[in-house]
């Protein structure tokens, strides 16, 4: 129950965004501007700051890094495979596929700090640094392809990818930010999560999920059932130490990234459908996270 409560504020923010957009003067035009602010400034600052915060130590964590990449690649492969399903319209799949393999990094840091302390934070930072660029590239691909955008051009100017790649390079070079820059980035990034989640709520139309319920079920099953089970298997098959076991299981059971909605909207995807997926994923994460950790303790 304690782990589930970590996600409750996220869900409340989504509901708050929905209510504000529907019942106050702060309607869609306001939130469309907020979405652009989140996409081009706040989320990039958040991702860069999260990646450069902890020095990467690849040599001592290769099995953990391999597990993170393996789980993510499996999620990508399964999500992409759904494109061949006749019941999955191309536009819906291009927008929603990212939900199956992307994850909420802020929730990751909060939960890992609770269950594994400082050593866990260093480990999850490594996983985030290595996996976020892969997730963002894989998320952009179907949207760019479906929308007729040049894929290389979209990658080269996508602010989320630029932020994660530059953060990873910055970290690997052993560079450090001045205290003033660190504080400024932290404060900018701190606004990304609440505003991004409220933007999800503002664009929410759960009825959109009824258009292709089978696809929604399959994508959320990958995110909240398949990947946590695979992570449990990896934790023991690779002989990970207890802290890294907890980290990889939390990573696999996380709700999807709230920025999935912002990316879909900014690239001309089906924003309402993705907003519904993000909301349900956040709610399901309140179940999948504690259940995955209970399963890990039981198997130990």
C-alpha atoms as a PDB file:
ATOM      1  CA  UNK A   1       0.000   0.000   0.000  1.00  0.00           C
ATOM      2  CA  UNK A   2       2.862   2.379   0.814  1.00  0.00           C
ATOM      3  CA  UNK A   3       4.373   1.937  -2.640  1.00  0.00           C
ATOM      4  CA  UNK A   4       0.987   2.454  -4.287  1.00  0.00           C
ATOM      5  CA  UNK A   5       0.522   5.760  -2.474  1.00  0.00           C
ATOM      6  CA  UNK A   6       3.656   7.123  -4.191  1.00  0.00           C
ATOM      7  CA  UNK A   7       1.604   7.250  -7.414  1.00  0.00           C
ATOM      8  CA  UNK A   8      -1.519   8.790  -5.908  1.00  0.00           C
ATOM      9  CA  UNK A   9      -0.362  12.444  -6.311  1.00  0.00           C
ATOM     10  CA  UNK A  10       0.300  11.809 -10.022  1.00  0.00           C
ATOM     11  CA  UNK A  11      -3.205  10.517 -10.535  1.00  0.00           C
ATOM     12  CA  UNK A  12      -4.689  13.438  -8.572  1.00  0.00           C
ATOM     13  CA  UNK A  13      -2.842  15.911 -10.828  1.00  0.00           C
ATOM     14  CA  UNK A  14      -4.316  14.267 -13.931  1.00  0.00           C
ATOM     15  CA  UNK A  15      -7.824  14.567 -12.462  1.00  0.00           C
ATOM     16  CA  UNK A  16      -7.133  18.189 -11.474  1.00  0.00           C
ATOM     17  CA  UNK A  17      -6.053  19.067 -15.022  1.00  0.00           C
ATOM     18  CA  UNK A  18      -9.245  17.472 -16.370  1.00  0.00           C
ATOM     19  CA  UNK A  19     -11.472  19.442 -13.981  1.00  0.00           C
ATOM     20  CA  UNK A  20      -9.700  22.770 -14.552  1.00  0.00           C
ATOM     21  CA  UNK A  21      -9.905  22.427 -18.343  1.00  0.00           C
ATOM     22  CA  UNK A  22     -13.584  21.420 -18.328  1.00  0.00           C
ATOM     23  CA  UNK A  23     -14.971  23.694 -15.623  1.00  0.00           C
ATOM     24  CA  UNK A  24     -12.918  26.920 -15.567  1.00  0.00           C
ATOM     25  CA  UNK A  25     -11.839  29.626 -17.980  1.00  0.00           C
ATOM     26  CA  UNK A  26      -8.499  27.811 -18.355  1.00  0.00           C
ATOM     27  CA  UNK A  27      -9.700  25.762 -21.313  1.00  0.00           C
ATOM     28  CA  UNK A  28      -7.930  24.033 -24.221  1.00  0.00           C
ATOM     29  CA  UNK A  29      -6.043  27.051 -25.699  1.00  0.00           C
ATOM     30  CA  UNK A  30      -4.323  27.556 -22.339  1.00  0.00           C
ATOM     31  CA  UNK A  31      -3.319  23.895 -22.121  1.00  0.00           C
ATOM     32  CA  UNK A  32      -2.107  23.752 -25.709  1.00  0.00           C
ATOM     33  CA  UNK A  33       0.391  26.480 -24.815  1.00  0.00           C
ATOM     34  CA  UNK A  34       1.302  24.589 -21.637  1.00  0.00           C
ATOM     35  CA  UNK A  35       1.947  21.435 -23.676  1.00  0.00           C
ATOM     36  CA  UNK A  36       4.425  23.302 -25.866  1.00  0.00           C
ATOM     37  CA  UNK A  37       6.192  24.716 -22.803  1.00  0.00           C
ATOM     38  CA  UNK A  38       6.491  21.247 -21.263  1.00  0.00           C
ATOM     39  CA  UNK A  39       7.694  19.639 -24.480  1.00  0.00           C
ATOM     40  CA  UNK A  40      10.290  22.203 -25.527  1.00  0.00           C
ATOM     41  CA  UNK A  41      11.651  23.359 -22.161  1.00  0.00           C
ATOM     42  CA  UNK A  42      10.471  21.701 -18.960  1.00  0.00           C
ATOM     43  CA  UNK A  43      10.798  18.009 -19.841  1.00  0.00           C
ATOM     44  CA  UNK A  44      14.177  18.417 -21.581  1.00  0.00           C
ATOM     45  CA  UNK A  45      15.517  20.221 -18.492  1.00  0.00           C
ATOM     46  CA  UNK A  46      14.129  17.457 -16.271  1.00  0.00           C
ATOM     47  CA  UNK A  47      15.714  14.669 -18.323  1.00  0.00           C
ATOM     48  CA  UNK A  48      19.100  16.372 -18.609  1.00  0.00           C
ATOM     49  CA  UNK A  49      19.232  17.129 -14.878  1.00  0.00           C
ATOM     50  CA  UNK A  50      18.218  13.574 -13.922  1.00  0.00           C
ATOM     51  CA  UNK A  51      20.903  12.014 -16.127  1.00  0.00           C
ATOM     52  CA  UNK A  52      23.817  14.224 -15.083  1.00  0.00           C
ATOM     53  CA  UNK A  53      22.925  14.030 -11.384  1.00  0.00           C
ATOM     54  CA  UNK A  54      24.737  10.745 -10.693  1.00  0.00           C
ATOM     55  CA  UNK A  55      28.123   9.687 -12.187  1.00  0.00           C
ATOM     56  CA  UNK A  56      27.810   6.605 -14.392  1.00  0.00           C
ATOM     57  CA  UNK A  57      29.804   3.536 -13.357  1.00  0.00           C
ATOM     58  CA  UNK A  58      29.230   1.093 -16.191  1.00  0.00           C
ATOM     59  CA  UNK A  59      31.887  -1.413 -15.202  1.00  0.00           C
ATOM     60  CA  UNK A  60      30.280  -2.356 -11.893  1.00  0.00           C
ATOM     61  CA  UNK A  61      26.753  -2.517 -13.238  1.00  0.00           C
ATOM     62  CA  UNK A  62      26.943  -4.210 -16.638  1.00  0.00           C
ATOM     63  CA  UNK A  63      24.406  -6.953 -15.736  1.00  0.00           C
ATOM     64  CA  UNK A  64      21.937  -4.311 -14.527  1.00  0.00           C
ATOM     65  CA  UNK A  65      22.503  -2.229 -17.655  1.00  0.00           C
ATOM     66  CA  UNK A  66      22.008  -5.327 -19.834  1.00  0.00           C
ATOM     67  CA  UNK A  67      18.772  -6.156 -18.017  1.00  0.00           C
ATOM     68  CA  UNK A  68      17.461  -2.604 -18.491  1.00  0.00           C
ATOM     69  CA  UNK A  69      18.241  -2.626 -22.191  1.00  0.00           C
ATOM     70  CA  UNK A  70      16.891  -6.160 -22.671  1.00  0.00           C
ATOM     71  CA  UNK A  71      13.578  -5.374 -20.971  1.00  0.00           C
ATOM     72  CA  UNK A  72      13.198  -2.150 -22.950  1.00  0.00           C
ATOM     73  CA  UNK A  73      14.025  -3.801 -26.278  1.00  0.00           C
ATOM     74  CA  UNK A  74      11.493  -6.532 -25.548  1.00  0.00           C
ATOM     75  CA  UNK A  75       8.842  -3.906 -24.816  1.00  0.00           C
ATOM     76  CA  UNK A  76       9.679  -2.090 -28.058  1.00  0.00           C
ATOM     77  CA  UNK A  77       9.580  -5.304 -30.099  1.00  0.00           C
ATOM     78  CA  UNK A  78       6.218  -6.369 -28.659  1.00  0.00           C
ATOM     79  CA  UNK A  79       4.729  -2.893 -29.121  1.00  0.00           C
ATOM     80  CA  UNK A  80       5.921  -2.665 -32.721  1.00  0.00           C
ATOM     81  CA  UNK A  81       4.617  -6.182 -33.435  1.00  0.00           C
ATOM     82  CA  UNK A  82       1.092  -4.993 -32.640  1.00  0.00           C
ATOM     83  CA  UNK A  83       1.222  -2.889 -35.814  1.00  0.00           C
ATOM     84  CA  UNK A  84       0.551  -6.108 -37.739  1.00  0.00           C
ATOM     85  CA  UNK A  85      -2.677  -6.670 -35.821  1.00  0.00           C
ATOM     86  CA  UNK A  86      -5.614  -5.919 -38.169  1.00  0.00           C
ATOM     87  CA  UNK A  87      -7.622  -4.463 -35.259  1.00  0.00           C
ATOM     88  CA  UNK A  88      -4.971  -1.798 -34.570  1.00  0.00           C
ATOM     89  CA  UNK A  89      -5.409   1.279 -36.820  1.00  0.00           C
ATOM     90  CA  UNK A  90      -2.083   2.715 -37.911  1.00  0.00           C
ATOM     91  CA  UNK A  91      -2.662   6.146 -36.360  1.00  0.00           C
ATOM     92  CA  UNK A  92      -3.688   4.754 -32.999  1.00  0.00           C
ATOM     93  CA  UNK A  93      -0.766   2.330 -32.932  1.00  0.00           C
ATOM     94  CA  UNK A  94       1.779   4.987 -33.933  1.00  0.00           C
ATOM     95  CA  UNK A  95       0.585   7.214 -31.089  1.00  0.00           C
ATOM     96  CA  UNK A  96       0.118   4.560 -28.409  1.00  0.00           C
ATOM     97  CA  UNK A  97       3.006   2.140 -29.013  1.00  0.00           C
ATOM     98  CA  UNK A  98       5.336   4.227 -26.811  1.00  0.00           C
ATOM     99  CA  UNK A  99       3.113   3.580 -23.782  1.00  0.00           C
ATOM    100  CA  UNK A 100       4.253  -0.054 -23.698  1.00  0.00           C
ATOM    101  CA  UNK A 101       7.961   0.683 -23.175  1.00  0.00           C
ATOM    102  CA  UNK A 102       8.373   4.237 -21.877  1.00  0.00           C
ATOM    103  CA  UNK A 103       8.364   4.899 -18.133  1.00  0.00           C
ATOM    104  CA  UNK A 104       7.912   7.697 -15.604  1.00  0.00           C
ATOM    105  CA  UNK A 105      11.433   8.528 -14.423  1.00  0.00           C
ATOM    106  CA  UNK A 106      10.273  10.752 -11.543  1.00  0.00           C
ATOM    107  CA  UNK A 107       8.188   7.916 -10.106  1.00  0.00           C
ATOM    108  CA  UNK A 108      11.187   5.630 -10.607  1.00  0.00           C
ATOM    109  CA  UNK A 109      13.406   7.870  -8.487  1.00  0.00           C
ATOM    110  CA  UNK A 110      10.764   8.288  -5.766  1.00  0.00           C
ATOM    111  CA  UNK A 111       9.998   4.567  -5.420  1.00  0.00           C
ATOM    112  CA  UNK A 112      13.609   3.396  -5.612  1.00  0.00           C
ATOM    113  CA  UNK A 113      14.675   5.885  -2.949  1.00  0.00           C
ATOM    114  CA  UNK A 114      11.960   4.443  -0.711  1.00  0.00           C
ATOM    115  CA  UNK A 115      12.792   0.763  -1.270  1.00  0.00           C
ATOM    116  CA  UNK A 116      16.567   0.798  -1.883  1.00  0.00           C
ATOM    117  CA  UNK A 117      18.003   4.047  -0.506  1.00  0.00           C
ATOM    118  CA  UNK A 118      21.027   5.882  -1.924  1.00  0.00           C
ATOM    119  CA  UNK A 119      22.618   2.796  -3.560  1.00  0.00           C
ATOM    120  CA  UNK A 120      19.362   2.199  -5.378  1.00  0.00           C
ATOM    121  CA  UNK A 121      19.240   5.787  -6.613  1.00  0.00           C
ATOM    122  CA  UNK A 122      22.677   5.435  -8.205  1.00  0.00           C
ATOM    123  CA  UNK A 123      21.561   2.222  -9.921  1.00  0.00           C
ATOM    124  CA  UNK A 124      18.265   3.589 -11.260  1.00  0.00           C
ATOM    125  CA  UNK A 125      20.093   6.698 -12.516  1.00  0.00           C
ATOM    126  CA  UNK A 126      22.339   4.409 -14.564  1.00  0.00           C
ATOM    127  CA  UNK A 127      19.339   2.599 -16.044  1.00  0.00           C
ATOM    128  CA  UNK A 128      17.570   5.879 -16.825  1.00  0.00           C
ATOM    129  CA  UNK A 129      20.671   7.302 -18.515  1.00  0.00           C
ATOM    130  CA  UNK A 130      21.092   4.286 -20.775  1.00  0.00           C
ATOM    131  CA  UNK A 131      17.458   3.555 -21.574  1.00  0.00           C
ATOM    132  CA  UNK A 132      15.795   6.961 -22.000  1.00  0.00           C
ATOM    133  CA  UNK A 133      17.550   7.746 -25.332  1.00  0.00           C
ATOM    134  CA  UNK A 134      16.504   4.336 -26.665  1.00  0.00           C
ATOM    135  CA  UNK A 135      12.903   4.868 -25.518  1.00  0.00           C
ATOM    136  CA  UNK A 136      12.659   8.310 -27.078  1.00  0.00           C
ATOM    137  CA  UNK A 137      14.096   7.174 -30.411  1.00  0.00           C
ATOM    138  CA  UNK A 138      11.693   4.220 -30.474  1.00  0.00           C
ATOM    139  CA  UNK A 139       8.759   6.502 -29.578  1.00  0.00           C
ATOM    140  CA  UNK A 140       9.508   8.987 -32.349  1.00  0.00           C
ATOM    141  CA  UNK A 141       9.916   6.361 -35.088  1.00  0.00           C
ATOM    142  CA  UNK A 142       6.268   5.235 -35.562  1.00  0.00           C
ATOM    143  CA  UNK A 143       4.939   8.780 -35.113  1.00  0.00           C
ATOM    144  CA  UNK A 144       7.367  10.187 -37.691  1.00  0.00           C
ATOM    145  CA  UNK A 145       6.657   7.340 -40.090  1.00  0.00           C
ATOM    146  CA  UNK A 146       2.891   7.643 -39.797  1.00  0.00           C
ATOM    147  CA  UNK A 147       2.900  11.429 -40.008  1.00  0.00           C
ATOM    148  CA  UNK A 148       5.146  11.483 -43.063  1.00  0.00           C
ATOM    149  CA  UNK A 149       7.899  13.335 -41.208  1.00  0.00           C
ATOM    150  CA  UNK A 150      11.562  12.759 -42.014  1.00  0.00           C
ATOM    151  CA  UNK A 151      12.762  10.386 -39.303  1.00  0.00           C
ATOM    152  CA  UNK A 152      16.356  11.658 -39.133  1.00  0.00           C
ATOM    153  CA  UNK A 153      15.116  15.242 -39.149  1.00  0.00           C
ATOM    154  CA  UNK A 154      12.669  14.508 -36.325  1.00  0.00           C
ATOM    155  CA  UNK A 155      15.378  12.804 -34.260  1.00  0.00           C
ATOM    156  CA  UNK A 156      17.876  15.599 -34.797  1.00  0.00           C
ATOM    157  CA  UNK A 157      15.492  18.255 -33.513  1.00  0.00           C
ATOM    158  CA  UNK A 158      13.464  16.315 -30.944  1.00  0.00           C
ATOM    159  CA  UNK A 159      14.079  18.146 -27.637  1.00  0.00           C
ATOM    160  CA  UNK A 160      13.658  15.033 -25.484  1.00  0.00           C
ATOM    161  CA  UNK A 161      16.240  13.086 -27.463  1.00  0.00           C
ATOM    162  CA  UNK A 162      18.653  16.019 -27.587  1.00  0.00           C
ATOM    163  CA  UNK A 163      18.389  16.435 -23.811  1.00  0.00           C
ATOM    164  CA  UNK A 164      18.957  12.762 -23.005  1.00  0.00           C
ATOM    165  CA  UNK A 165      21.836  12.245 -25.434  1.00  0.00           C
ATOM    166  CA  UNK A 166      23.597  15.428 -24.337  1.00  0.00           C
ATOM    167  CA  UNK A 167      23.094  14.482 -20.692  1.00  0.00           C
ATOM    168  CA  UNK A 168      24.553  11.035 -21.295  1.00  0.00           C
ATOM    169  CA  UNK A 169      27.603  12.464 -23.115  1.00  0.00           C
ATOM    170  CA  UNK A 170      28.049  15.082 -20.398  1.00  0.00           C
ATOM    171  CA  UNK A 171      27.979  12.383 -17.724  1.00  0.00           C
ATOM    172  CA  UNK A 172      30.336   9.983 -19.509  1.00  0.00           C
ATOM    173  CA  UNK A 173      32.873  12.780 -19.989  1.00  0.00           C
ATOM    174  CA  UNK A 174      32.916  13.254 -16.216  1.00  0.00           C
ATOM    175  CA  UNK A 175      31.791  16.869 -16.410  1.00  0.00           C
ATOM    176  CA  UNK A 176      29.925  18.610 -13.601  1.00  0.00           C
ATOM    177  CA  UNK A 177      27.589  21.572 -13.649  1.00  0.00           C
ATOM    178  CA  UNK A 178      28.154  24.676 -11.511  1.00  0.00           C
ATOM    179  CA  UNK A 179      25.879  24.855  -8.497  1.00  0.00           C
ATOM    180  CA  UNK A 180      23.912  27.747 -10.005  1.00  0.00           C
ATOM    181  CA  UNK A 181      23.197  25.772 -13.189  1.00  0.00           C
ATOM    182  CA  UNK A 182      22.242  22.669 -11.208  1.00  0.00           C
ATOM    183  CA  UNK A 183      19.798  24.601  -9.046  1.00  0.00           C
ATOM    184  CA  UNK A 184      18.287  26.382 -12.055  1.00  0.00           C
ATOM    185  CA  UNK A 185      17.806  23.144 -14.003  1.00  0.00           C
ATOM    186  CA  UNK A 186      16.302  21.461 -10.966  1.00  0.00           C
ATOM    187  CA  UNK A 187      13.745  24.228 -10.531  1.00  0.00           C
ATOM    188  CA  UNK A 188      12.836  24.254 -14.219  1.00  0.00           C
ATOM    189  CA  UNK A 189      12.551  20.467 -14.292  1.00  0.00           C
ATOM    190  CA  UNK A 190      10.510  20.396 -11.090  1.00  0.00           C
ATOM    191  CA  UNK A 191       7.693  22.128 -12.958  1.00  0.00           C
ATOM    192  CA  UNK A 192       7.651  19.486 -15.678  1.00  0.00           C
ATOM    193  CA  UNK A 193       5.961  16.689 -13.750  1.00  0.00           C
ATOM    194  CA  UNK A 194       2.934  18.544 -12.310  1.00  0.00           C
ATOM    195  CA  UNK A 195       2.309  20.638 -15.426  1.00  0.00           C
ATOM    196  CA  UNK A 196       2.827  17.648 -17.729  1.00  0.00           C
ATOM    197  CA  UNK A 197       0.409  15.482 -15.738  1.00  0.00           C
ATOM    198  CA  UNK A 198      -2.192  18.269 -15.615  1.00  0.00           C
ATOM    199  CA  UNK A 199      -1.834  18.651 -19.390  1.00  0.00           C
ATOM    200  CA  UNK A 200      -2.579  14.934 -19.713  1.00  0.00           C
ATOM    201  CA  UNK A 201      -5.756  15.467 -17.703  1.00  0.00           C
ATOM    202  CA  UNK A 202      -6.716  18.527 -19.755  1.00  0.00           C
ATOM    203  CA  UNK A 203      -6.535  16.464 -22.939  1.00  0.00           C
ATOM    204  CA  UNK A 204      -8.227  13.442 -21.436  1.00  0.00           C
ATOM    205  CA  UNK A 205     -11.155  11.808 -23.165  1.00  0.00           C
ATOM    206  CA  UNK A 206     -11.446   8.271 -21.832  1.00  0.00           C
ATOM    207  CA  UNK A 207     -14.041   7.606 -24.479  1.00  0.00           C
ATOM    208  CA  UNK A 208     -11.201   7.583 -27.014  1.00  0.00           C
ATOM    209  CA  UNK A 209     -10.001   4.290 -25.531  1.00  0.00           C
ATOM    210  CA  UNK A 210     -13.267   2.674 -26.590  1.00  0.00           C
ATOM    211  CA  UNK A 211     -12.317   3.244 -30.219  1.00  0.00           C
ATOM    212  CA  UNK A 212      -9.626   0.533 -30.067  1.00  0.00           C
ATOM    213  CA  UNK A 213      -9.961  -1.236 -26.697  1.00  0.00           C
ATOM    214  CA  UNK A 214      -8.030  -4.297 -27.808  1.00  0.00           C
ATOM    215  CA  UNK A 215      -4.935  -2.268 -28.651  1.00  0.00           C
ATOM    216  CA  UNK A 216      -5.147  -0.408 -25.341  1.00  0.00           C
ATOM    217  CA  UNK A 217      -5.402  -3.696 -23.439  1.00  0.00           C
ATOM    218  CA  UNK A 218      -2.431  -5.186 -25.284  1.00  0.00           C
ATOM    219  CA  UNK A 219      -0.195  -2.136 -24.766  1.00  0.00           C
ATOM    220  CA  UNK A 220      -0.990  -1.892 -21.056  1.00  0.00           C
ATOM    221  CA  UNK A 221      -0.537  -5.658 -20.622  1.00  0.00           C
ATOM    222  CA  UNK A 222       2.993  -5.355 -22.036  1.00  0.00           C
ATOM    223  CA  UNK A 223       3.780  -2.435 -19.718  1.00  0.00           C
ATOM    224  CA  UNK A 224       2.273  -3.838 -16.514  1.00  0.00           C
ATOM    225  CA  UNK A 225       2.315  -7.642 -16.861  1.00  0.00           C
ATOM    226  CA  UNK A 226       4.868  -8.902 -19.372  1.00  0.00           C
ATOM    227  CA  UNK A 227       7.772  -6.598 -18.524  1.00  0.00           C
ATOM    228  CA  UNK A 228       7.529  -7.037 -14.709  1.00  0.00           C
ATOM    229  CA  UNK A 229       7.496 -10.832 -15.129  1.00  0.00           C
ATOM    230  CA  UNK A 230      10.543 -10.668 -17.396  1.00  0.00           C
ATOM    231  CA  UNK A 231      12.309  -8.406 -14.882  1.00  0.00           C
ATOM    232  CA  UNK A 232      11.731 -10.923 -12.078  1.00  0.00           C
ATOM    233  CA  UNK A 233      13.292 -13.614 -14.257  1.00  0.00           C
ATOM    234  CA  UNK A 234      16.271 -11.372 -15.124  1.00  0.00           C
ATOM    235  CA  UNK A 235      16.843 -10.437 -11.477  1.00  0.00           C
ATOM    236  CA  UNK A 236      17.615 -14.044 -10.573  1.00  0.00           C
ATOM    237  CA  UNK A 237      18.966 -15.356 -13.891  1.00  0.00           C
ATOM    238  CA  UNK A 238      21.663 -12.661 -13.975  1.00  0.00           C
ATOM    239  CA  UNK A 239      22.501 -13.054 -10.289  1.00  0.00           C
ATOM    240  CA  UNK A 240      21.903  -9.392  -9.488  1.00  0.00           C
ATOM    241  CA  UNK A 241      22.565  -8.256  -5.898  1.00  0.00           C
ATOM    242  CA  UNK A 242      19.462  -7.415  -3.810  1.00  0.00           C
ATOM    243  CA  UNK A 243      19.569  -3.659  -4.439  1.00  0.00           C
ATOM    244  CA  UNK A 244      19.824  -4.121  -8.204  1.00  0.00           C
ATOM    245  CA  UNK A 245      17.082  -6.752  -8.114  1.00  0.00           C
ATOM    246  CA  UNK A 246      14.728  -4.217  -6.549  1.00  0.00           C
ATOM    247  CA  UNK A 247      15.797  -1.535  -9.028  1.00  0.00           C
ATOM    248  CA  UNK A 248      15.169  -3.633 -12.150  1.00  0.00           C
ATOM    249  CA  UNK A 249      11.812  -4.876 -10.861  1.00  0.00           C
ATOM    250  CA  UNK A 250      10.661  -1.328 -10.044  1.00  0.00           C
ATOM    251  CA  UNK A 251      11.886  -0.151 -13.453  1.00  0.00           C
ATOM    252  CA  UNK A 252       9.842  -2.790 -15.272  1.00  0.00           C
ATOM    253  CA  UNK A 253       6.640  -2.195 -13.271  1.00  0.00           C
ATOM    254  CA  UNK A 254       6.554   1.610 -13.589  1.00  0.00           C
ATOM    255  CA  UNK A 255       3.647   3.480 -15.160  1.00  0.00           C
ATOM    256  CA  UNK A 256       4.344   4.905 -18.583  1.00  0.00           C
ATOM    257  CA  UNK A 257       5.852   8.356 -19.102  1.00  0.00           C
ATOM    258  CA  UNK A 258       3.391  11.252 -18.853  1.00  0.00           C
ATOM    259  CA  UNK A 259       5.348  12.950 -21.646  1.00  0.00           C
ATOM    260  CA  UNK A 260       4.015  10.269 -24.020  1.00  0.00           C
ATOM    261  CA  UNK A 261       0.895  12.403 -24.373  1.00  0.00           C
ATOM    262  CA  UNK A 262       2.884  15.574 -25.046  1.00  0.00           C
ATOM    263  CA  UNK A 263       5.014  13.824 -27.687  1.00  0.00           C
ATOM    264  CA  UNK A 264       1.940  12.404 -29.430  1.00  0.00           C
ATOM    265  CA  UNK A 265       0.213  15.799 -29.561  1.00  0.00           C
ATOM    266  CA  UNK A 266       3.287  17.690 -30.738  1.00  0.00           C
ATOM    267  CA  UNK A 267       3.901  15.177 -33.561  1.00  0.00           C
ATOM    268  CA  UNK A 268       0.302  15.156 -34.764  1.00  0.00           C
ATOM    269  CA  UNK A 269      -0.715  11.863 -33.130  1.00  0.00           C
ATOM    270  CA  UNK A 270      -3.932  10.859 -31.396  1.00  0.00           C
ATOM    271  CA  UNK A 271      -3.488  12.791 -28.145  1.00  0.00           C
ATOM    272  CA  UNK A 272      -6.808  11.843 -26.551  1.00  0.00           C
ATOM    273  CA  UNK A 273      -6.082   8.132 -26.967  1.00  0.00           C
ATOM    274  CA  UNK A 274      -2.618   8.458 -25.441  1.00  0.00           C
ATOM    275  CA  UNK A 275      -3.954  10.597 -22.582  1.00  0.00           C
ATOM    276  CA  UNK A 276      -6.351   7.796 -21.697  1.00  0.00           C
ATOM    277  CA  UNK A 277      -3.539   5.247 -21.843  1.00  0.00           C
ATOM    278  CA  UNK A 278      -1.306   7.368 -19.599  1.00  0.00           C
ATOM    279  CA  UNK A 279      -4.100   7.775 -17.061  1.00  0.00           C
ATOM    280  CA  UNK A 280      -4.896   4.070 -16.928  1.00  0.00           C
ATOM    281  CA  UNK A 281      -1.197   3.208 -16.793  1.00  0.00           C
ATOM    282  CA  UNK A 282      -0.739   5.506 -13.796  1.00  0.00           C
ATOM    283  CA  UNK A 283      -3.648   3.803 -12.064  1.00  0.00           C
ATOM    284  CA  UNK A 284      -2.404   0.314 -12.973  1.00  0.00           C
ATOM    285  CA  UNK A 285       1.058   1.246 -11.748  1.00  0.00           C
ATOM    286  CA  UNK A 286      -0.401   1.641  -8.274  1.00  0.00           C
ATOM    287  CA  UNK A 287      -1.091  -2.093  -8.446  1.00  0.00           C
ATOM    288  CA  UNK A 288       1.781  -3.431 -10.558  1.00  0.00           C
ATOM    289  CA  UNK A 289       4.548  -1.762  -8.520  1.00  0.00           C
ATOM    290  CA  UNK A 290       3.629  -3.175  -5.081  1.00  0.00           C
ATOM    291  CA  UNK A 291       2.667  -6.550  -6.578  1.00  0.00           C
ATOM    292  CA  UNK A 292       6.016  -6.822  -8.380  1.00  0.00           C
ATOM    293  CA  UNK A 293       7.923  -5.963  -5.197  1.00  0.00           C
ATOM    294  CA  UNK A 294       5.863  -8.482  -3.205  1.00  0.00           C
ATOM    295  CA  UNK A 295       6.631 -11.116  -5.838  1.00  0.00           C
ATOM    296  CA  UNK A 296      10.342 -10.304  -5.585  1.00  0.00           C
ATOM    297  CA  UNK A 297      10.317 -10.690  -1.801  1.00  0.00           C
ATOM    298  CA  UNK A 298       8.422 -13.971  -2.097  1.00  0.00           C
ATOM    299  CA  UNK A 299      10.827 -15.424  -4.664  1.00  0.00           C
ATOM    300  CA  UNK A 300      13.800 -14.477  -2.495  1.00  0.00           C
END
